[in-house]
Amino acid sequence: SKDVVRWSHSKDGIFTVGRAYKKECNSQSSRYQSSWKNIWRTAAPTKVKCFTWLVIRKACLTHEVLRKKRKIILPWCSLCGKTGETTRHLFLHCTFAAQIRSMFLNFLEVKWTMPEHTVDLLSCWIRRAGSKRQKTWWNLIPHCIWWTVWKERHSRNFEDISNSINKVKWNCIVSLYFWCKEIGLEDSDQLFDQLLEFLGSL
């Protein structure tokens, strides 16, 4: 008989994207499944959503990942100068990145305990109360922080340009503003003005 290609994960041997998606979801823990949905429900740009997914999967090219690929890298964080640029350090515990996160938390007077993993931060950050507008821009913030941190990290490592923490905060606020404007979020200008006023008071 003629050889045929069969997909071993279905009884009839037929591959479909839907079946592959279900297979992948079933192979992951429930927290990754919920995070996957939360990422794609946000209004962040597509490339930022993809980057966020890499972050929670520990797949973005931090020094930790590069060393596993046998690259010779100096083991220190270019943002805070401490040893060990891991995904967890860069996006959760780096004192430089923490200042950006604290700006938003203090702006809304939110008390926060840092979770252990990036996937847990994303799950905890989801706002379930408030207006639709508030939920939309609030849920954009972790994506915006991580994207801004990564861009500043690249600026320091590859362009030899180190921006001040206030400049990086400004960059983060501007990115958030343009994302909100892009999706037509009401009162984006008012939110932008309030954040800038708060930044100026720090």
Protein backbone atom coordinates (compact mmCIF):
# COMPACT_ATOMS: atom_id res chain seq x y z
CA SER A 1 0.00 0.00 0.00
CA LYS A 2 1.03 3.59 -0.57
CA ASP A 3 2.72 5.39 2.32
CA VAL A 4 0.68 8.21 3.84
CA VAL A 5 1.39 10.83 6.47
CA ARG A 6 -0.80 10.43 9.55
CA TRP A 7 -0.98 12.66 12.61
CA SER A 8 -0.53 10.35 15.58
CA HIS A 9 -2.58 12.49 17.99
CA SER A 10 -5.97 11.82 16.36
CA LYS A 11 -7.81 8.60 15.58
CA ASP A 12 -8.33 9.42 11.91
CA GLY A 13 -4.74 10.65 11.48
CA ILE A 14 -5.83 14.02 10.08
CA PHE A 15 -3.99 17.14 11.22
CA THR A 16 -5.85 20.42 11.76
CA VAL A 17 -4.75 23.66 13.38
CA GLY A 18 -7.60 23.38 15.88
CA ARG A 19 -6.50 19.92 16.99
CA ALA A 20 -2.88 21.05 17.28
CA TYR A 21 -3.95 24.02 19.40
CA LYS A 22 -5.98 21.82 21.75
CA LYS A 23 -3.09 19.37 22.00
CA GLU A 24 -0.70 22.18 22.93
CA CYS A 25 -3.11 23.66 25.47
CA ASN A 26 -3.67 20.29 27.12
CA SER A 27 0.07 19.80 27.47
CA GLN A 28 0.55 23.05 29.40
CA SER A 29 -0.34 23.87 32.97
CA SER A 30 -3.57 25.75 33.62
CA ARG A 31 -1.74 28.96 34.54
CA TYR A 32 -0.04 29.07 31.14
CA GLN A 33 -3.39 28.46 29.45
CA SER A 34 -5.04 31.37 31.25
CA SER A 35 -2.03 33.61 30.62
CA TRP A 36 -2.12 32.76 26.93
CA LYS A 37 -5.75 33.92 26.78
CA ASN A 38 -5.05 37.04 28.84
CA ILE A 39 -2.17 38.06 26.57
CA TRP A 40 -4.22 37.90 23.40
CA ARG A 41 -7.20 39.64 24.97
CA THR A 42 -5.17 42.77 25.71
CA ALA A 43 -5.02 45.66 23.26
CA ALA A 44 -1.21 45.70 23.07
CA PRO A 45 0.43 45.65 19.61
CA THR A 46 0.84 42.14 18.21
CA LYS A 47 4.65 42.19 18.39
CA VAL A 48 4.42 43.15 22.07
CA LYS A 49 1.99 40.31 22.78
CA CYS A 50 4.43 37.90 21.13
CA PHE A 51 7.25 39.32 23.23
CA THR A 52 5.20 38.96 26.43
CA TRP A 53 4.62 35.32 25.57
CA LEU A 54 8.37 34.83 25.20
CA VAL A 55 8.91 36.46 28.60
CA ILE A 56 6.55 34.16 30.49
CA ARG A 57 8.00 31.16 28.64
CA LYS A 58 11.54 32.30 29.60
CA ALA A 59 12.41 32.26 25.91
CA CYS A 60 13.58 35.83 25.25
CA LEU A 61 17.34 36.08 24.80
CA THR A 62 18.51 37.15 28.24
CA HIS A 63 22.07 36.36 29.30
CA GLU A 64 20.73 33.27 31.08
CA VAL A 65 19.29 31.88 27.83
CA LEU A 66 22.34 32.85 25.77
CA ARG A 67 24.69 31.04 28.16
CA LYS A 68 22.62 27.89 27.73
CA LYS A 69 23.31 28.25 24.01
CA ARG A 70 27.04 28.28 24.90
CA LYS A 71 27.50 31.99 24.24
CA ILE A 72 30.16 33.73 26.32
CA ILE A 73 28.34 36.55 28.11
CA LEU A 74 29.31 38.67 31.10
CA PRO A 75 26.82 37.63 33.80
CA TRP A 76 25.52 40.99 34.94
CA CYS A 77 22.38 43.06 34.44
CA SER A 78 23.00 46.18 32.34
CA LEU A 79 20.13 48.01 34.04
CA CYS A 80 20.99 47.64 37.73
CA GLY A 81 24.57 46.31 37.54
CA LYS A 82 23.84 43.26 39.68
CA THR A 83 25.01 39.78 38.82
CA GLY A 84 22.78 37.43 36.89
CA GLU A 85 20.51 38.64 34.09
CA THR A 86 17.78 36.02 34.22
CA THR A 87 14.24 36.47 32.94
CA ARG A 88 12.98 36.55 36.51
CA HIS A 89 15.54 39.14 37.56
CA LEU A 90 15.16 41.43 34.54
CA PHE A 91 11.36 41.61 34.53
CA LEU A 92 10.53 41.11 38.22
CA HIS A 93 13.36 41.85 40.64
CA CYS A 94 15.67 44.29 38.86
CA THR A 95 15.64 47.49 40.95
CA PHE A 96 15.66 49.61 37.77
CA ALA A 97 12.58 47.88 36.33
CA ALA A 98 10.90 47.92 39.75
CA GLN A 99 10.95 51.73 39.75
CA ILE A 100 8.86 51.80 36.57
CA ARG A 101 6.37 49.33 37.99
CA SER A 102 6.18 51.24 41.28
CA MET A 103 5.34 54.43 39.38
CA PHE A 104 2.10 52.91 38.11
CA LEU A 105 1.26 51.18 41.39
CA ASN A 106 1.80 54.38 43.37
CA PHE A 107 -0.20 56.37 40.82
CA LEU A 108 -3.23 54.21 41.58
CA GLU A 109 -2.30 53.67 45.25
CA VAL A 110 -2.21 49.90 44.77
CA LYS A 111 -0.48 47.70 47.35
CA TRP A 112 1.55 44.96 45.71
CA THR A 113 3.48 41.84 46.65
CA MET A 114 5.83 40.65 43.94
CA PRO A 115 5.03 37.10 42.73
CA GLU A 116 7.77 34.57 42.06
CA HIS A 117 7.31 34.14 38.31
CA THR A 118 6.47 36.40 35.37
CA VAL A 119 3.45 34.28 34.47
CA ASP A 120 2.08 34.83 37.98
CA LEU A 121 2.55 38.60 37.72
CA LEU A 122 0.55 38.65 34.52
CA SER A 123 -2.26 36.66 36.14
CA CYS A 124 -2.31 38.82 39.28
CA TRP A 125 -2.27 42.06 37.32
CA ILE A 126 -5.57 41.43 35.52
CA ARG A 127 -8.09 44.00 36.70
CA ARG A 128 -11.56 42.58 37.24
CA ALA A 129 -13.26 45.69 38.67
CA GLY A 130 -13.78 49.18 37.31
CA SER A 131 -14.96 50.45 33.94
CA LYS A 132 -14.08 48.81 30.64
CA ARG A 133 -11.74 51.73 29.89
CA GLN A 134 -9.91 51.31 33.21
CA LYS A 135 -9.53 47.58 32.70
CA THR A 136 -8.20 48.08 29.18
CA TRP A 137 -5.36 50.48 30.00
CA TRP A 138 -4.56 48.82 33.34
CA ASN A 139 -4.07 45.43 31.66
CA LEU A 140 -1.73 47.03 29.11
CA ILE A 141 0.72 48.18 31.79
CA PRO A 142 2.78 44.97 32.38
CA HIS A 143 3.22 44.54 28.62
CA CYS A 144 4.31 48.17 28.35
CA ILE A 145 6.76 47.91 31.27
CA TRP A 146 8.40 44.74 29.97
CA TRP A 147 8.63 46.13 26.43
CA THR A 148 10.19 49.37 27.71
CA VAL A 149 12.66 47.49 29.92
CA TRP A 150 13.71 45.28 27.01
CA LYS A 151 14.23 48.27 24.70
CA GLU A 152 16.35 50.04 27.32
CA ARG A 153 18.35 46.87 27.85
CA HIS A 154 19.04 46.71 24.10
CA SER A 155 19.94 50.40 24.03
CA ARG A 156 22.59 49.84 26.69
CA ASN A 157 23.96 46.57 25.34
CA PHE A 158 24.05 47.31 21.62
CA GLU A 159 24.02 51.10 21.22
CA ASP A 160 25.97 52.07 24.34
CA ILE A 161 23.20 54.54 25.27
CA SER A 162 22.02 54.59 28.89
CA ASN A 163 18.88 56.59 29.59
CA SER A 164 18.03 57.90 33.05
CA ILE A 165 15.23 56.24 34.98
CA ASN A 166 13.02 59.29 34.46
CA LYS A 167 13.60 59.12 30.70
CA VAL A 168 12.70 55.43 30.68
CA LYS A 169 9.55 56.14 32.72
CA TRP A 170 8.66 58.82 30.19
CA ASN A 171 9.20 56.35 27.33
CA CYS A 172 6.92 53.85 29.04
CA ILE A 173 4.16 56.41 29.58
CA VAL A 174 4.40 57.60 25.95
CA SER A 175 4.17 54.01 24.67
CA LEU A 176 1.10 53.39 26.83
CA TYR A 177 -0.46 56.62 25.59
CA PHE A 178 0.01 55.77 21.91
CA TRP A 179 -1.31 52.24 22.43
CA CYS A 180 -4.44 53.68 24.06
CA LYS A 181 -4.84 56.22 21.25
CA GLU A 182 -4.38 53.52 18.63
CA ILE A 183 -7.33 51.52 19.94
CA GLY A 184 -9.45 54.65 20.36
CA LEU A 185 -9.61 54.49 24.15
CA GLU A 186 -11.62 57.38 25.56
CA ASP A 187 -9.88 59.95 27.79
CA SER A 188 -6.39 58.84 26.68
CA ASP A 189 -5.23 62.46 26.73
CA GLN A 190 -6.51 62.92 30.27
CA LEU A 191 -4.78 59.75 31.45
CA PHE A 192 -1.54 60.86 29.78
CA ASP A 193 -1.68 64.27 31.47
CA GLN A 194 -2.34 62.70 34.88
CA LEU A 195 0.58 60.29 34.51
CA LEU A 196 2.93 63.06 33.42
CA GLU A 197 1.85 65.22 36.35
CA PHE A 198 2.44 62.30 38.71
CA LEU A 199 5.86 61.62 37.15
CA GLY A 200 6.78 65.26 37.65
CA SER A 201 5.85 65.06 41.33
CA LEU A 202 8.18 62.12 42.04
